[in-house]
Amino acid sequence: MCMLLTDRIALVTGAAQGLGEGIADLFSREGATVALCDLKPEGERVAALIARKTGRRAKFYRLDVSRREEIAAVVRAVDADFGRIDVLVNCAGVCKPTPLLEMTEQIWDAHHNVNVKGPFFLCQEVCRIMVKNRPIPRRKPP
């Protein structure tokens, strides 16, 4: 069996449920160590389940992606815990469908902060780590 992510460290946001949880599980089954990030505490259970199923390290980090200082702190913690970050999956998101004429600034800001601002600053912080550590050579699958 070819494991495409063997020895890779993946940070996945929105990993406590849904698509983010599925991506974290798949990455672990493909050989990655996974840092699961979410605002919801259920991420702790998901990380434990993934580690038990795959035998690989999976650790939960509480993260509100709308808060830049939390992003920086969590990215530093993942780097300290695992030595690097090779893959980032921005899967956290919010959607509160609101008619145009009822859209408040608060609802708009919440969507923008989680769906746009958060992924941008996650990319920025993770890229700092990647540049610092330089990518490790990619092994060719058998």
Protein backbone atom coordinates (compact mmCIF):
# COMPACT_ATOMS: atom_id res chain seq x y z
CA MET A 1 0.00 0.00 0.00
CA CYS A 2 1.36 3.41 -1.00
CA MET A 3 1.09 5.93 1.83
CA LEU A 4 1.33 9.33 0.19
CA LEU A 5 1.78 11.37 3.37
CA THR A 6 4.23 9.22 5.32
CA ASP A 7 6.35 11.32 7.67
CA ARG A 8 4.41 14.51 6.89
CA ILE A 9 2.95 16.86 9.49
CA ALA A 10 -0.49 18.20 8.54
CA LEU A 11 -2.40 20.98 10.27
CA VAL A 12 -6.15 20.80 9.55
CA THR A 13 -8.61 23.47 10.72
CA GLY A 14 -12.29 22.76 11.21
CA ALA A 15 -11.26 19.22 12.17
CA ALA A 16 -13.81 18.55 14.94
CA GLN A 17 -16.51 17.51 12.46
CA GLY A 18 -17.55 17.22 8.85
CA LEU A 19 -15.13 17.74 6.00
CA GLY A 20 -12.24 18.77 8.26
CA GLU A 21 -12.64 15.61 10.34
CA GLY A 22 -12.74 13.49 7.19
CA ILE A 23 -9.60 15.12 5.80
CA ALA A 24 -7.73 14.65 9.09
CA ASP A 25 -8.77 10.98 9.17
CA LEU A 26 -7.75 10.39 5.54
CA PHE A 27 -4.40 12.14 5.98
CA SER A 28 -3.68 9.98 9.03
CA ARG A 29 -4.58 6.82 7.11
CA GLU A 30 -2.16 8.00 4.39
CA GLY A 31 0.67 8.20 6.92
CA ALA A 32 0.58 11.79 8.22
CA THR A 33 0.84 13.03 11.76
CA VAL A 34 -2.17 15.32 12.15
CA ALA A 35 -2.67 18.51 14.17
CA LEU A 36 -6.45 18.93 14.42
CA CYS A 37 -7.57 22.51 15.07
CA ASP A 38 -11.06 23.66 15.93
CA LEU A 39 -12.99 25.92 18.24
CA LYS A 40 -15.17 22.98 19.29
CA PRO A 41 -13.85 20.71 22.06
CA GLU A 42 -15.09 17.65 20.14
CA GLY A 43 -11.77 17.87 18.30
CA GLU A 44 -10.15 16.19 21.32
CA ARG A 45 -12.36 13.12 20.82
CA VAL A 46 -11.74 13.11 17.07
CA ALA A 47 -7.95 13.26 17.56
CA ALA A 48 -8.06 10.36 20.03
CA LEU A 49 -10.24 8.31 17.66
CA ILE A 50 -7.96 8.94 14.68
CA ALA A 51 -4.85 8.03 16.70
CA ARG A 52 -6.50 4.84 17.93
CA LYS A 53 -7.69 3.83 14.44
CA THR A 54 -4.45 4.53 12.59
CA GLY A 55 -1.75 4.19 15.23
CA ARG A 56 -0.38 7.61 14.23
CA ARG A 57 -0.01 10.76 16.27
CA ALA A 58 -3.01 13.06 16.18
CA LYS A 59 -3.24 16.00 18.55
CA PHE A 60 -6.02 18.52 19.10
CA TYR A 61 -5.40 22.26 19.41
CA ARG A 62 -8.22 24.63 20.34
CA LEU A 63 -8.20 27.43 17.78
CA ASP A 64 -10.50 30.31 16.95
CA VAL A 65 -9.35 31.09 13.39
CA SER A 66 -10.86 34.57 13.60
CA ARG A 67 -8.24 35.56 16.17
CA ARG A 68 -4.83 36.29 14.70
CA GLU A 69 -2.97 35.93 18.00
CA GLU A 70 -4.45 32.44 18.51
CA ILE A 71 -3.40 31.46 15.00
CA ALA A 72 0.20 32.48 15.66
CA ALA A 73 0.26 30.71 19.04
CA VAL A 74 -1.19 27.45 17.69
CA VAL A 75 1.12 27.38 14.67
CA ARG A 76 4.11 27.88 17.00
CA ALA A 77 2.79 25.11 19.28
CA VAL A 78 2.37 22.65 16.39
CA ASP A 79 5.87 23.47 15.14
CA ALA A 80 7.28 22.98 18.66
CA ASP A 81 5.40 19.71 19.17
CA PHE A 82 6.17 18.12 15.79
CA GLY A 83 9.25 19.98 14.53
CA ARG A 84 7.69 21.37 11.38
CA ILE A 85 4.48 21.71 9.35
CA ASP A 86 4.35 20.25 5.84
CA VAL A 87 0.67 20.59 4.93
CA LEU A 88 -2.03 23.13 5.81
CA VAL A 89 -5.72 22.52 5.17
CA ASN A 90 -7.94 25.54 5.85
CA CYS A 91 -11.28 23.83 6.40
CA ALA A 92 -12.81 25.92 9.19
CA GLY A 93 -15.74 27.97 8.02
CA VAL A 94 -19.03 29.56 8.99
CA CYS A 95 -22.18 30.13 7.01
CA LYS A 96 -25.23 31.85 8.40
CA PRO A 97 -27.46 32.48 5.38
CA THR A 98 -28.91 35.95 5.80
CA PRO A 99 -31.01 37.95 3.36
CA LEU A 100 -29.14 40.94 1.95
CA LEU A 101 -31.30 43.56 3.64
CA GLU A 102 -30.98 41.81 7.02
CA MET A 103 -27.19 41.37 6.93
CA THR A 104 -25.65 43.17 9.90
CA GLU A 105 -22.07 44.28 10.19
CA GLN A 106 -21.59 41.74 13.00
CA ILE A 107 -22.74 38.83 10.81
CA TRP A 108 -20.63 40.09 7.89
CA ASP A 109 -17.54 40.45 10.09
CA ALA A 110 -18.00 36.96 11.55
CA HIS A 111 -18.12 35.41 8.07
CA HIS A 112 -15.19 37.45 6.80
CA ASN A 113 -13.02 36.80 9.87
CA VAL A 114 -13.46 33.02 9.77
CA ASN A 115 -13.75 32.41 6.02
CA VAL A 116 -11.26 34.96 4.63
CA LYS A 117 -9.06 36.58 7.24
CA GLY A 118 -8.39 33.39 9.22
CA PRO A 119 -7.21 31.29 6.26
CA PHE A 120 -5.00 34.14 5.05
CA PHE A 121 -3.22 34.52 8.39
CA LEU A 122 -2.97 30.74 8.81
CA CYS A 123 -1.23 30.57 5.42
CA GLN A 124 1.07 33.41 6.43
CA GLU A 125 2.05 31.84 9.77
CA VAL A 126 2.48 28.32 8.37
CA CYS A 127 4.55 29.65 5.45
CA ARG A 128 6.88 31.29 7.96
CA ILE A 129 7.45 27.87 9.51
CA MET A 130 7.86 26.18 6.11
CA VAL A 131 10.40 28.76 4.93
CA LYS A 132 12.31 28.48 8.20
CA ASN A 133 12.43 24.69 8.03
CA ARG A 134 12.70 24.33 4.25
CA PRO A 135 10.76 21.47 2.71
CA ILE A 136 12.10 18.00 3.22
CA PRO A 137 12.78 16.03 0.01
CA ARG A 138 9.76 14.19 -1.35
CA ARG A 139 10.10 10.41 -1.56
CA LYS A 140 8.85 8.75 -4.73
CA PRO A 141 6.07 6.23 -4.13
CA PRO A 142 7.04 2.60 -4.77
